[in-house]
Amino acid sequence: MNRRFGKTDFIVLAVVFAVLVFAVIFTAFKRKQGEFVVISLDGEVYREVPLEKDQEIEIKKEGITINVLDIREGKADMRKASCPDKLCVRQKPVSKSGESIVCLPNKVVVEVKGEAKGDFDSIAR
């Protein structure tokens, strides 16, 4: 049974495409600018750093620098890594809440968070 691409097929395909485009645009604009990054090493919090202050952070394990994170203009970027594949260095800088940079060989995770600790959304009585 050979069936040709008909008008109904075209309409269904157009609707699915429109929904996908809407979903991508909605999620892209929904993310908020992050306020700080949480650097984890071996699954434990290594350091929390605000994105507003430009700085270079050396991530050290047993006294040896394994990664260098650069924070400039509200974006965190992995500049150097001692791992063989350097995939984390090739990732784009992150700045939106929920974005992350991961260096699997060195077990380093840099995650952007939206609200600083101690901030309240509301207070209930």
PDB file of N, CA and C in Angstrom:
ATOM      1  N   MET A   1       0.838  -1.180   0.000  1.00  0.00           N
ATOM      2  CA  MET A   1       0.000   0.000   0.000  1.00  0.00           C
ATOM      3  C   MET A   1       0.881   1.241   0.000  1.00  0.00           C
ATOM      4  N   ASN A   2       0.984   1.859  -1.108  1.00  0.00           N
ATOM      5  CA  ASN A   2       1.696   3.132  -1.210  1.00  0.00           C
ATOM      6  C   ASN A   2       0.709   4.259  -1.027  1.00  0.00           C
ATOM      7  N   ARG A   3       1.027   5.115  -0.130  1.00  0.00           N
ATOM      8  CA  ARG A   3       0.152   6.243   0.151  1.00  0.00           C
ATOM      9  C   ARG A   3       0.923   7.521  -0.075  1.00  0.00           C
ATOM     10  N   ARG A   4       0.326   8.476  -0.672  1.00  0.00           N
ATOM     11  CA  ARG A   4       0.987   9.741  -0.955  1.00  0.00           C
ATOM     12  C   ARG A   4       0.814  10.698   0.221  1.00  0.00           C
ATOM     13  N   PHE A   5       1.693  11.634   0.278  1.00  0.00           N
ATOM     14  CA  PHE A   5       1.655  12.660   1.315  1.00  0.00           C
ATOM     15  C   PHE A   5       0.500  13.607   0.993  1.00  0.00           C
ATOM     16  N   GLY A   6      -0.521  13.603   1.849  1.00  0.00           N
ATOM     17  CA  GLY A   6      -1.728  14.381   1.561  1.00  0.00           C
ATOM     18  C   GLY A   6      -1.837  15.648   2.378  1.00  0.00           C
ATOM     19  N   LYS A   7      -2.953  16.324   2.201  1.00  0.00           N
ATOM     20  CA  LYS A   7      -3.216  17.590   2.881  1.00  0.00           C
ATOM     21  C   LYS A   7      -3.288  17.389   4.395  1.00  0.00           C
ATOM     22  N   THR A   8      -3.915  16.334   4.855  1.00  0.00           N
ATOM     23  CA  THR A   8      -4.036  16.050   6.285  1.00  0.00           C
ATOM     24  C   THR A   8      -2.664  15.788   6.901  1.00  0.00           C
ATOM     25  N   ASP A   9      -1.825  15.044   6.184  1.00  0.00           N
ATOM     26  CA  ASP A   9      -0.472  14.775   6.683  1.00  0.00           C
ATOM     27  C   ASP A   9       0.318  16.076   6.836  1.00  0.00           C
ATOM     28  N   PHE A  10       0.174  16.950   5.872  1.00  0.00           N
ATOM     29  CA  PHE A  10       0.863  18.235   5.917  1.00  0.00           C
ATOM     30  C   PHE A  10       0.402  19.072   7.113  1.00  0.00           C
ATOM     31  N   ILE A  11      -0.893  19.086   7.384  1.00  0.00           N
ATOM     32  CA  ILE A  11      -1.443  19.866   8.506  1.00  0.00           C
ATOM     33  C   ILE A  11      -0.934  19.311   9.838  1.00  0.00           C
ATOM     34  N   VAL A  12      -0.944  17.995   9.978  1.00  0.00           N
ATOM     35  CA  VAL A  12      -0.453  17.370  11.224  1.00  0.00           C
ATOM     36  C   VAL A  12       1.028  17.691  11.418  1.00  0.00           C
ATOM     37  N   LEU A  13       1.812  17.576  10.368  1.00  0.00           N
ATOM     38  CA  LEU A  13       3.236  17.872  10.446  1.00  0.00           C
ATOM     39  C   LEU A  13       3.482  19.338  10.797  1.00  0.00           C
ATOM     40  N   ALA A  14       2.707  20.245  10.232  1.00  0.00           N
ATOM     41  CA  ALA A  14       2.841  21.669  10.517  1.00  0.00           C
ATOM     42  C   ALA A  14       2.497  21.976  11.979  1.00  0.00           C
ATOM     43  N   VAL A  15       1.467  21.338  12.510  1.00  0.00           N
ATOM     44  CA  VAL A  15       1.075  21.555  13.905  1.00  0.00           C
ATOM     45  C   VAL A  15       2.163  21.043  14.850  1.00  0.00           C
ATOM     46  N   VAL A  16       2.692  19.859  14.577  1.00  0.00           N
ATOM     47  CA  VAL A  16       3.755  19.295  15.412  1.00  0.00           C
ATOM     48  C   VAL A  16       4.982  20.210  15.376  1.00  0.00           C
ATOM     49  N   PHE A  17       5.342  20.680  14.209  1.00  0.00           N
ATOM     50  CA  PHE A  17       6.483  21.581  14.072  1.00  0.00           C
ATOM     51  C   PHE A  17       6.252  22.876  14.851  1.00  0.00           C
ATOM     52  N   ALA A  18       5.065  23.443  14.758  1.00  0.00           N
ATOM     53  CA  ALA A  18       4.745  24.688  15.469  1.00  0.00           C
ATOM     54  C   ALA A  18       4.837  24.500  16.979  1.00  0.00           C
ATOM     55  N   VAL A  19       4.360  23.374  17.481  1.00  0.00           N
ATOM     56  CA  VAL A  19       4.430  23.088  18.915  1.00  0.00           C
ATOM     57  C   VAL A  19       5.884  22.967  19.356  1.00  0.00           C
ATOM     58  N   LEU A  20       6.706  22.292  18.567  1.00  0.00           N
ATOM     59  CA  LEU A  20       8.123  22.147  18.915  1.00  0.00           C
ATOM     60  C   LEU A  20       8.832  23.500  18.925  1.00  0.00           C
ATOM     61  N   VAL A  21       8.567  24.325  17.948  1.00  0.00           N
ATOM     62  CA  VAL A  21       9.181  25.653  17.897  1.00  0.00           C
ATOM     63  C   VAL A  21       8.747  26.475  19.104  1.00  0.00           C
ATOM     64  N   PHE A  22       7.471  26.443  19.444  1.00  0.00           N
ATOM     65  CA  PHE A  22       6.968  27.169  20.612  1.00  0.00           C
ATOM     66  C   PHE A  22       7.647  26.677  21.892  1.00  0.00           C
ATOM     67  N   ALA A  23       7.794  25.355  22.038  1.00  0.00           N
ATOM     68  CA  ALA A  23       8.419  24.796  23.236  1.00  0.00           C
ATOM     69  C   ALA A  23       9.876  25.232  23.361  1.00  0.00           C
ATOM     70  N   VAL A  24      10.604  25.231  22.266  1.00  0.00           N
ATOM     71  CA  VAL A  24      12.006  25.646  22.293  1.00  0.00           C
ATOM     72  C   VAL A  24      12.124  27.124  22.652  1.00  0.00           C
ATOM     73  N   ILE A  25      11.314  27.957  22.045  1.00  0.00           N
ATOM     74  CA  ILE A  25      11.356  29.394  22.324  1.00  0.00           C
ATOM     75  C   ILE A  25      10.946  29.677  23.761  1.00  0.00           C
ATOM     76  N   PHE A  26       9.921  28.996  24.245  1.00  0.00           N
ATOM     77  CA  PHE A  26       9.437  29.206  25.607  1.00  0.00           C
ATOM     78  C   PHE A  26      10.510  28.850  26.626  1.00  0.00           C
ATOM     79  N   THR A  27      11.176  27.712  26.450  1.00  0.00           N
ATOM     80  CA  THR A  27      12.201  27.305  27.419  1.00  0.00           C
ATOM     81  C   THR A  27      13.447  28.181  27.320  1.00  0.00           C
ATOM     82  N   ALA A  28      13.750  28.677  26.126  1.00  0.00           N
ATOM     83  CA  ALA A  28      14.928  29.529  25.969  1.00  0.00           C
ATOM     84  C   ALA A  28      14.755  30.862  26.696  1.00  0.00           C
ATOM     85  N   PHE A  29      13.563  31.431  26.651  1.00  0.00           N
ATOM     86  CA  PHE A  29      13.334  32.724  27.289  1.00  0.00           C
ATOM     87  C   PHE A  29      12.917  32.604  28.746  1.00  0.00           C
ATOM     88  N   LYS A  30      12.571  31.408  29.186  1.00  0.00           N
ATOM     89  CA  LYS A  30      12.101  31.221  30.560  1.00  0.00           C
ATOM     90  C   LYS A  30      13.245  31.260  31.576  1.00  0.00           C
ATOM     91  N   ARG A  31      14.412  30.798  31.180  1.00  0.00           N
ATOM     92  CA  ARG A  31      15.528  30.741  32.118  1.00  0.00           C
ATOM     93  C   ARG A  31      15.955  32.136  32.554  1.00  0.00           C
ATOM     94  N   LYS A  32      16.213  32.245  33.834  1.00  0.00           N
ATOM     95  CA  LYS A  32      16.624  33.525  34.411  1.00  0.00           C
ATOM     96  C   LYS A  32      18.141  33.581  34.519  1.00  0.00           C
ATOM     97  N   GLN A  33      18.646  34.797  34.544  1.00  0.00           N
ATOM     98  CA  GLN A  33      20.079  34.999  34.735  1.00  0.00           C
ATOM     99  C   GLN A  33      20.469  34.467  36.111  1.00  0.00           C
ATOM    100  N   GLY A  34      21.531  33.695  36.173  1.00  0.00           N
ATOM    101  CA  GLY A  34      21.994  33.144  37.436  1.00  0.00           C
ATOM    102  C   GLY A  34      22.679  34.190  38.289  1.00  0.00           C
ATOM    103  N   GLU A  35      22.733  33.921  39.581  1.00  0.00           N
ATOM    104  CA  GLU A  35      23.372  34.844  40.510  1.00  0.00           C
ATOM    105  C   GLU A  35      24.719  34.327  41.003  1.00  0.00           C
ATOM    106  N   PHE A  36      24.866  33.002  41.084  1.00  0.00           N
ATOM    107  CA  PHE A  36      26.118  32.432  41.554  1.00  0.00           C
ATOM    108  C   PHE A  36      26.302  31.037  40.980  1.00  0.00           C
ATOM    109  N   VAL A  37      27.531  30.521  41.064  1.00  0.00           N
ATOM    110  CA  VAL A  37      27.807  29.161  40.620  1.00  0.00           C
ATOM    111  C   VAL A  37      28.220  28.323  41.821  1.00  0.00           C
ATOM    112  N   VAL A  38      27.816  27.067  41.780  1.00  0.00           N
ATOM    113  CA  VAL A  38      28.234  26.102  42.790  1.00  0.00           C
ATOM    114  C   VAL A  38      29.215  25.161  42.112  1.00  0.00           C
ATOM    115  N   ILE A  39      30.435  25.121  42.622  1.00  0.00           N
ATOM    116  CA  ILE A  39      31.466  24.241  42.085  1.00  0.00           C
ATOM    117  C   ILE A  39      31.517  23.011  42.980  1.00  0.00           C
ATOM    118  N   SER A  40      31.337  21.833  42.373  1.00  0.00           N
ATOM    119  CA  SER A  40      31.404  20.574  43.111  1.00  0.00           C
ATOM    120  C   SER A  40      32.614  19.778  42.640  1.00  0.00           C
ATOM    121  N   LEU A  41      33.274  19.135  43.584  1.00  0.00           N
ATOM    122  CA  LEU A  41      34.421  18.286  43.289  1.00  0.00           C
ATOM    123  C   LEU A  41      34.199  16.958  43.995  1.00  0.00           C
ATOM    124  N   ASP A  42      34.229  15.879  43.254  1.00  0.00           N
ATOM    125  CA  ASP A  42      33.973  14.539  43.789  1.00  0.00           C
ATOM    126  C   ASP A  42      32.618  14.453  44.496  1.00  0.00           C
ATOM    127  N   GLY A  43      31.618  15.166  43.983  1.00  0.00           N
ATOM    128  CA  GLY A  43      30.272  15.107  44.531  1.00  0.00           C
ATOM    129  C   GLY A  43      30.046  15.975  45.758  1.00  0.00           C
ATOM    130  N   GLU A  44      31.054  16.699  46.209  1.00  0.00           N
ATOM    131  CA  GLU A  44      30.940  17.562  47.383  1.00  0.00           C
ATOM    132  C   GLU A  44      31.098  19.024  46.949  1.00  0.00           C
ATOM    133  N   VAL A  45      30.392  19.926  47.618  1.00  0.00           N
ATOM    134  CA  VAL A  45      30.498  21.347  47.290  1.00  0.00           C
ATOM    135  C   VAL A  45      31.920  21.812  47.590  1.00  0.00           C
ATOM    136  N   TYR A  46      32.567  22.324  46.586  1.00  0.00           N
ATOM    137  CA  TYR A  46      33.943  22.824  46.697  1.00  0.00           C
ATOM    138  C   TYR A  46      33.938  24.314  47.036  1.00  0.00           C
ATOM    139  N   ARG A  47      33.051  25.060  46.328  1.00  0.00           N
ATOM    140  CA  ARG A  47      32.987  26.503  46.538  1.00  0.00           C
ATOM    141  C   ARG A  47      31.743  27.073  45.878  1.00  0.00           C
ATOM    142  N   GLU A  48      31.215  28.159  46.430  1.00  0.00           N
ATOM    143  CA  GLU A  48      30.129  28.923  45.818  1.00  0.00           C
ATOM    144  C   GLU A  48      30.667  30.309  45.511  1.00  0.00           C
ATOM    145  N   VAL A  49      30.442  30.755  44.256  1.00  0.00           N
ATOM    146  CA  VAL A  49      31.037  32.011  43.798  1.00  0.00           C
ATOM    147  C   VAL A  49      29.982  32.852  43.099  1.00  0.00           C
ATOM    148  N   PRO A  50      29.887  34.165  43.422  1.00  0.00           N
ATOM    149  CA  PRO A  50      28.919  35.015  42.722  1.00  0.00           C
ATOM    150  C   PRO A  50      29.370  35.288  41.284  1.00  0.00           C
ATOM    151  N   LEU A  51      28.400  35.399  40.387  1.00  0.00           N
ATOM    152  CA  LEU A  51      28.699  35.689  38.986  1.00  0.00           C
ATOM    153  C   LEU A  51      28.969  37.175  38.740  1.00  0.00           C
ATOM    154  N   GLU A  52      28.623  38.016  39.694  1.00  0.00           N
ATOM    155  CA  GLU A  52      28.767  39.459  39.498  1.00  0.00           C
ATOM    156  C   GLU A  52      30.217  39.932  39.619  1.00  0.00           C
ATOM    157  N   LYS A  53      31.074  39.158  40.264  1.00  0.00           N
ATOM    158  CA  LYS A  53      32.458  39.562  40.478  1.00  0.00           C
ATOM    159  C   LYS A  53      33.378  38.807  39.521  1.00  0.00           C
ATOM    160  N   ASP A  54      34.116  39.533  38.673  1.00  0.00           N
ATOM    161  CA  ASP A  54      35.059  38.918  37.743  1.00  0.00           C
ATOM    162  C   ASP A  54      36.232  38.330  38.521  1.00  0.00           C
ATOM    163  N   GLN A  55      36.540  37.050  38.243  1.00  0.00           N
ATOM    164  CA  GLN A  55      37.633  36.388  38.935  1.00  0.00           C
ATOM    165  C   GLN A  55      38.019  35.098  38.234  1.00  0.00           C
ATOM    166  N   GLU A  56      39.180  34.591  38.580  1.00  0.00           N
ATOM    167  CA  GLU A  56      39.650  33.313  38.063  1.00  0.00           C
ATOM    168  C   GLU A  56      39.810  32.368  39.252  1.00  0.00           C
ATOM    169  N   ILE A  57      39.203  31.187  39.159  1.00  0.00           N
ATOM    170  CA  ILE A  57      39.210  30.252  40.276  1.00  0.00           C
ATOM    171  C   ILE A  57      39.967  29.001  39.882  1.00  0.00           C
ATOM    172  N   GLU A  58      40.987  28.670  40.652  1.00  0.00           N
ATOM    173  CA  GLU A  58      41.729  27.431  40.441  1.00  0.00           C
ATOM    174  C   GLU A  58      41.069  26.343  41.287  1.00  0.00           C
ATOM    175  N   ILE A  59      40.654  25.284  40.642  1.00  0.00           N
ATOM    176  CA  ILE A  59      40.046  24.151  41.343  1.00  0.00           C
ATOM    177  C   ILE A  59      41.152  23.131  41.564  1.00  0.00           C
ATOM    178  N   LYS A  60      41.456  22.898  42.833  1.00  0.00           N
ATOM    179  CA  LYS A  60      42.601  22.046  43.177  1.00  0.00           C
ATOM    180  C   LYS A  60      42.144  20.763  43.854  1.00  0.00           C
ATOM    181  N   LYS A  61      42.874  19.695  43.541  1.00  0.00           N
ATOM    182  CA  LYS A  61      42.639  18.391  44.178  1.00  0.00           C
ATOM    183  C   LYS A  61      44.003  17.897  44.647  1.00  0.00           C
ATOM    184  N   GLU A  62      44.118  17.672  45.935  1.00  0.00           N
ATOM    185  CA  GLU A  62      45.368  17.233  46.555  1.00  0.00           C
ATOM    186  C   GLU A  62      46.505  18.200  46.243  1.00  0.00           C
ATOM    187  N   GLY A  63      46.196  19.512  46.247  1.00  0.00           N
ATOM    188  CA  GLY A  63      47.203  20.539  46.038  1.00  0.00           C
ATOM    189  C   GLY A  63      47.574  20.799  44.586  1.00  0.00           C
ATOM    190  N   ILE A  64      46.988  20.058  43.652  1.00  0.00           N
ATOM    191  CA  ILE A  64      47.299  20.218  42.231  1.00  0.00           C
ATOM    192  C   ILE A  64      46.095  20.844  41.533  1.00  0.00           C
ATOM    193  N   THR A  65      46.339  21.888  40.732  1.00  0.00           N
ATOM    194  CA  THR A  65      45.261  22.534  39.982  1.00  0.00           C
ATOM    195  C   THR A  65      44.815  21.608  38.864  1.00  0.00           C
ATOM    196  N   ILE A  66      43.524  21.221  38.898  1.00  0.00           N
ATOM    197  CA  ILE A  66      42.999  20.322  37.864  1.00  0.00           C
ATOM    198  C   ILE A  66      42.116  21.058  36.860  1.00  0.00           C
ATOM    199  N   ASN A  67      41.497  22.156  37.284  1.00  0.00           N
ATOM    200  CA  ASN A  67      40.656  22.962  36.397  1.00  0.00           C
ATOM    201  C   ASN A  67      40.802  24.429  36.776  1.00  0.00           C
ATOM    202  N   VAL A  68      40.585  25.308  35.785  1.00  0.00           N
ATOM    203  CA  VAL A  68      40.581  26.752  36.036  1.00  0.00           C
ATOM    204  C   VAL A  68      39.281  27.298  35.470  1.00  0.00           C
ATOM    205  N   LEU A  69      38.470  27.902  36.352  1.00  0.00           N
ATOM    206  CA  LEU A  69      37.197  28.487  35.972  1.00  0.00           C
ATOM    207  C   LEU A  69      37.338  30.000  35.936  1.00  0.00           C
ATOM    208  N   ASP A  70      36.899  30.616  34.849  1.00  0.00           N
ATOM    209  CA  ASP A  70      36.999  32.056  34.671  1.00  0.00           C
ATOM    210  C   ASP A  70      35.599  32.653  34.709  1.00  0.00           C
ATOM    211  N   ILE A  71      35.397  33.634  35.564  1.00  0.00           N
ATOM    212  CA  ILE A  71      34.099  34.324  35.644  1.00  0.00           C
ATOM    213  C   ILE A  71      34.319  35.754  35.165  1.00  0.00           C
ATOM    214  N   ARG A  72      33.644  36.093  34.062  1.00  0.00           N
ATOM    215  CA  ARG A  72      33.753  37.418  33.452  1.00  0.00           C
ATOM    216  C   ARG A  72      32.389  37.844  32.938  1.00  0.00           C
ATOM    217  N   GLU A  73      32.009  39.082  33.232  1.00  0.00           N
ATOM    218  CA  GLU A  73      30.777  39.678  32.728  1.00  0.00           C
ATOM    219  C   GLU A  73      29.553  38.798  32.974  1.00  0.00           C
ATOM    220  N   GLY A  74      29.494  38.174  34.151  1.00  0.00           N
ATOM    221  CA  GLY A  74      28.335  37.375  34.537  1.00  0.00           C
ATOM    222  C   GLY A  74      28.276  35.999  33.922  1.00  0.00           C
ATOM    223  N   LYS A  75      29.383  35.521  33.331  1.00  0.00           N
ATOM    224  CA  LYS A  75      29.419  34.197  32.710  1.00  0.00           C
ATOM    225  C   LYS A  75      30.579  33.389  33.264  1.00  0.00           C
ATOM    226  N   ALA A  76      30.331  32.103  33.465  1.00  0.00           N
ATOM    227  CA  ALA A  76      31.375  31.195  33.939  1.00  0.00           C
ATOM    228  C   ALA A  76      31.859  30.352  32.771  1.00  0.00           C
ATOM    229  N   ASP A  77      33.181  30.270  32.612  1.00  0.00           N
ATOM    230  CA  ASP A  77      33.772  29.551  31.494  1.00  0.00           C
ATOM    231  C   ASP A  77      34.962  28.741  31.996  1.00  0.00           C
ATOM    232  N   MET A  78      35.000  27.461  31.646  1.00  0.00           N
ATOM    233  CA  MET A  78      36.132  26.618  32.028  1.00  0.00           C
ATOM    234  C   MET A  78      37.273  26.915  31.061  1.00  0.00           C
ATOM    235  N   ARG A  79      38.357  27.487  31.579  1.00  0.00           N
ATOM    236  CA  ARG A  79      39.479  27.904  30.733  1.00  0.00           C
ATOM    237  C   ARG A  79      40.525  26.811  30.545  1.00  0.00           C
ATOM    238  N   LYS A  80      40.812  26.080  31.614  1.00  0.00           N
ATOM    239  CA  LYS A  80      41.850  25.046  31.554  1.00  0.00           C
ATOM    240  C   LYS A  80      41.371  23.803  32.284  1.00  0.00           C
ATOM    241  N   ALA A  81      41.884  22.657  31.837  1.00  0.00           N
ATOM    242  CA  ALA A  81      41.573  21.394  32.505  1.00  0.00           C
ATOM    243  C   ALA A  81      42.721  20.420  32.283  1.00  0.00           C
ATOM    244  N   SER A  82      42.981  19.597  33.272  1.00  0.00           N
ATOM    245  CA  SER A  82      44.054  18.614  33.159  1.00  0.00           C
ATOM    246  C   SER A  82      43.578  17.298  32.547  1.00  0.00           C
ATOM    247  N   CYS A  83      42.290  17.204  32.245  1.00  0.00           N
ATOM    248  CA  CYS A  83      41.745  15.967  31.677  1.00  0.00           C
ATOM    249  C   CYS A  83      42.197  15.792  30.230  1.00  0.00           C
ATOM    250  N   PRO A  84      42.214  14.553  29.736  1.00  0.00           N
ATOM    251  CA  PRO A  84      42.726  14.318  28.380  1.00  0.00           C
ATOM    252  C   PRO A  84      41.819  14.825  27.256  1.00  0.00           C
ATOM    253  N   ASP A  85      40.499  14.780  27.422  1.00  0.00           N
ATOM    254  CA  ASP A  85      39.606  15.139  26.309  1.00  0.00           C
ATOM    255  C   ASP A  85      39.269  16.631  26.223  1.00  0.00           C
ATOM    256  N   LYS A  86      39.377  17.365  27.301  1.00  0.00           N
ATOM    257  CA  LYS A  86      39.123  18.814  27.353  1.00  0.00           C
ATOM    258  C   LYS A  86      37.733  19.216  26.848  1.00  0.00           C
ATOM    259  N   LEU A  87      36.746  18.351  27.001  1.00  0.00           N
ATOM    260  CA  LEU A  87      35.382  18.677  26.574  1.00  0.00           C
ATOM    261  C   LEU A  87      34.806  19.836  27.377  1.00  0.00           C
ATOM    262  N   CYS A  88      35.150  19.912  28.651  1.00  0.00           N
ATOM    263  CA  CYS A  88      34.635  21.001  29.493  1.00  0.00           C
ATOM    264  C   CYS A  88      35.168  22.356  29.045  1.00  0.00           C
ATOM    265  N   VAL A  89      36.365  22.387  28.512  1.00  0.00           N
ATOM    266  CA  VAL A  89      36.960  23.638  28.039  1.00  0.00           C
ATOM    267  C   VAL A  89      36.266  24.103  26.762  1.00  0.00           C
ATOM    268  N   ARG A  90      35.788  23.145  25.964  1.00  0.00           N
ATOM    269  CA  ARG A  90      35.129  23.481  24.705  1.00  0.00           C
ATOM    270  C   ARG A  90      33.658  23.859  24.867  1.00  0.00           C
ATOM    271  N   GLN A  91      33.089  23.670  26.056  1.00  0.00           N
ATOM    272  CA  GLN A  91      31.697  24.068  26.283  1.00  0.00           C
ATOM    273  C   GLN A  91      31.579  25.585  26.290  1.00  0.00           C
ATOM    274  N   LYS A  92      30.403  26.069  25.913  1.00  0.00           N
ATOM    275  CA  LYS A  92      30.176  27.516  25.915  1.00  0.00           C
ATOM    276  C   LYS A  92      30.072  28.014  27.360  1.00  0.00           C
ATOM    277  N   PRO A  93      30.355  29.295  27.586  1.00  0.00           N
ATOM    278  CA  PRO A  93      30.195  29.850  28.932  1.00  0.00           C
ATOM    279  C   PRO A  93      28.731  29.756  29.386  1.00  0.00           C
ATOM    280  N   VAL A  94      28.524  29.577  30.680  1.00  0.00           N
ATOM    281  CA  VAL A  94      27.177  29.446  31.229  1.00  0.00           C
ATOM    282  C   VAL A  94      26.854  30.652  32.097  1.00  0.00           C
ATOM    283  N   SER A  95      25.570  31.064  32.069  1.00  0.00           N
ATOM    284  CA  SER A  95      25.156  32.205  32.884  1.00  0.00           C
ATOM    285  C   SER A  95      23.710  32.106  33.349  1.00  0.00           C
ATOM    286  N   LYS A  96      22.920  31.240  32.748  1.00  0.00           N
ATOM    287  CA  LYS A  96      21.503  31.111  33.085  1.00  0.00           C
ATOM    288  C   LYS A  96      21.314  30.056  34.166  1.00  0.00           C
ATOM    289  N   SER A  97      20.335  30.279  35.002  1.00  0.00           N
ATOM    290  CA  SER A  97      20.026  29.352  36.084  1.00  0.00           C
ATOM    291  C   SER A  97      19.743  27.958  35.525  1.00  0.00           C
ATOM    292  N   GLY A  98      20.400  26.950  36.073  1.00  0.00           N
ATOM    293  CA  GLY A  98      20.206  25.568  35.640  1.00  0.00           C
ATOM    294  C   GLY A  98      21.248  25.078  34.654  1.00  0.00           C
ATOM    295  N   GLU A  99      22.011  25.973  34.042  1.00  0.00           N
ATOM    296  CA  GLU A  99      23.063  25.544  33.118  1.00  0.00           C
ATOM    297  C   GLU A  99      24.252  25.011  33.913  1.00  0.00           C
ATOM    298  N   SER A 100      25.050  24.154  33.258  1.00  0.00           N
ATOM    299  CA  SER A 100      26.201  23.592  33.959  1.00  0.00           C
ATOM    300  C   SER A 100      27.336  23.260  32.998  1.00  0.00           C
ATOM    301  N   ILE A 101      28.513  23.137  33.571  1.00  0.00           N
ATOM    302  CA  ILE A 101      29.702  22.649  32.881  1.00  0.00           C
ATOM    303  C   ILE A 101      30.175  21.451  33.679  1.00  0.00           C
ATOM    304  N   VAL A 102      30.454  20.346  32.983  1.00  0.00           N
ATOM    305  CA  VAL A 102      30.852  19.116  33.659  1.00  0.00           C
ATOM    306  C   VAL A 102      32.180  18.630  33.107  1.00  0.00           C
ATOM    307  N   CYS A 103      33.103  18.310  33.995  1.00  0.00           N
ATOM    308  CA  CYS A 103      34.374  17.677  33.635  1.00  0.00           C
ATOM    309  C   CYS A 103      34.362  16.294  34.278  1.00  0.00           C
ATOM    310  N   LEU A 104      33.956  15.295  33.506  1.00  0.00           N
ATOM    311  CA  LEU A 104      33.809  13.945  34.065  1.00  0.00           C
ATOM    312  C   LEU A 104      35.122  13.334  34.551  1.00  0.00           C
ATOM    313  N   PRO A 105      36.210  13.401  33.783  1.00  0.00           N
ATOM    314  CA  PRO A 105      37.446  12.778  34.276  1.00  0.00           C
ATOM    315  C   PRO A 105      37.927  13.347  35.611  1.00  0.00           C
ATOM    316  N   ASN A 106      37.765  14.667  35.798  1.00  0.00           N
ATOM    317  CA  ASN A 106      38.207  15.289  37.049  1.00  0.00           C
ATOM    318  C   ASN A 106      37.113  15.343  38.106  1.00  0.00           C
ATOM    319  N   LYS A 107      35.915  14.910  37.755  1.00  0.00           N
ATOM    320  CA  LYS A 107      34.766  14.911  38.663  1.00  0.00           C
ATOM    321  C   LYS A 107      34.440  16.312  39.182  1.00  0.00           C
ATOM    322  N   VAL A 108      34.453  17.290  38.249  1.00  0.00           N
ATOM    323  CA  VAL A 108      34.147  18.680  38.579  1.00  0.00           C
ATOM    324  C   VAL A 108      32.838  19.056  37.896  1.00  0.00           C
ATOM    325  N   VAL A 109      31.913  19.666  38.655  1.00  0.00           N
ATOM    326  CA  VAL A 109      30.649  20.153  38.119  1.00  0.00           C
ATOM    327  C   VAL A 109      30.497  21.609  38.538  1.00  0.00           C
ATOM    328  N   VAL A 110      30.220  22.459  37.551  1.00  0.00           N
ATOM    329  CA  VAL A 110      29.957  23.880  37.804  1.00  0.00           C
ATOM    330  C   VAL A 110      28.509  24.123  37.414  1.00  0.00           C
ATOM    331  N   GLU A 111      27.672  24.478  38.383  1.00  0.00           N
ATOM    332  CA  GLU A 111      26.245  24.664  38.129  1.00  0.00           C
ATOM    333  C   GLU A 111      25.823  26.082  38.499  1.00  0.00           C
ATOM    334  N   VAL A 112      25.085  26.720  37.585  1.00  0.00           N
ATOM    335  CA  VAL A 112      24.594  28.072  37.831  1.00  0.00           C
ATOM    336  C   VAL A 112      23.292  27.986  38.613  1.00  0.00           C
ATOM    337  N   LYS A 113      23.202  28.762  39.674  1.00  0.00           N
ATOM    338  CA  LYS A 113      22.004  28.816  40.507  1.00  0.00           C
ATOM    339  C   LYS A 113      21.386  30.200  40.400  1.00  0.00           C
ATOM    340  N   GLY A 114      20.063  30.254  40.642  1.00  0.00           N
ATOM    341  CA  GLY A 114      19.343  31.504  40.430  1.00  0.00           C
ATOM    342  C   GLY A 114      19.251  32.429  41.605  1.00  0.00           C
ATOM    343  N   GLU A 115      19.080  31.921  42.791  1.00  0.00           N
ATOM    344  CA  GLU A 115      18.878  32.781  43.943  1.00  0.00           C
ATOM    345  C   GLU A 115      19.945  32.502  44.978  1.00  0.00           C
ATOM    346  N   ALA A 116      20.503  33.550  45.511  1.00  0.00           N
ATOM    347  CA  ALA A 116      21.507  33.410  46.548  1.00  0.00           C
ATOM    348  C   ALA A 116      20.868  32.837  47.805  1.00  0.00           C
ATOM    349  N   LYS A 117      21.656  32.097  48.567  1.00  0.00           N
ATOM    350  CA  LYS A 117      21.141  31.542  49.819  1.00  0.00           C
ATOM    351  C   LYS A 117      20.750  32.663  50.760  1.00  0.00           C
ATOM    352  N   GLY A 118      19.651  32.442  51.472  1.00  0.00           N
ATOM    353  CA  GLY A 118      19.202  33.438  52.430  1.00  0.00           C
ATOM    354  C   GLY A 118      18.131  34.357  51.871  1.00  0.00           C
ATOM    355  N   ASP A 119      17.919  34.326  50.550  1.00  0.00           N
ATOM    356  CA  ASP A 119      16.854  35.135  49.966  1.00  0.00           C
ATOM    357  C   ASP A 119      15.532  34.400  50.148  1.00  0.00           C
ATOM    358  N   PHE A 120      14.464  35.164  50.396  1.00  0.00           N
ATOM    359  CA  PHE A 120      13.148  34.574  50.589  1.00  0.00           C
ATOM    360  C   PHE A 120      12.218  34.988  49.448  1.00  0.00           C
ATOM    361  N   ASP A 121      11.406  34.037  48.978  1.00  0.00           N
ATOM    362  CA  ASP A 121      10.381  34.369  48.000  1.00  0.00           C
ATOM    363  C   ASP A 121       9.197  35.023  48.712  1.00  0.00           C
ATOM    364  N   SER A 122       8.828  34.462  49.857  1.00  0.00           N
ATOM    365  CA  SER A 122       7.727  35.001  50.644  1.00  0.00           C
ATOM    366  C   SER A 122       7.846  34.491  52.074  1.00  0.00           C
ATOM    367  N   ILE A 123       7.136  35.140  52.940  1.00  0.00           N
ATOM    368  CA  ILE A 123       7.105  34.721  54.342  1.00  0.00           C
ATOM    369  C   ILE A 123       5.671  34.420  54.707  1.00  0.00           C
ATOM    370  N   ALA A 124       5.449  33.244  55.267  1.00  0.00           N
ATOM    371  CA  ALA A 124       4.099  32.848  55.683  1.00  0.00           C
ATOM    372  C   ALA A 124       3.930  33.145  57.163  1.00  0.00           C
ATOM    373  N   ARG A 125       2.722  33.533  57.521  1.00  0.00           N
ATOM    374  CA  ARG A 125       2.422  33.802  58.931  1.00  0.00           C
ATOM    375  C   ARG A 125       1.582  32.709  59.506  1.00  0.00           C
TER     376      ARG A 125
END
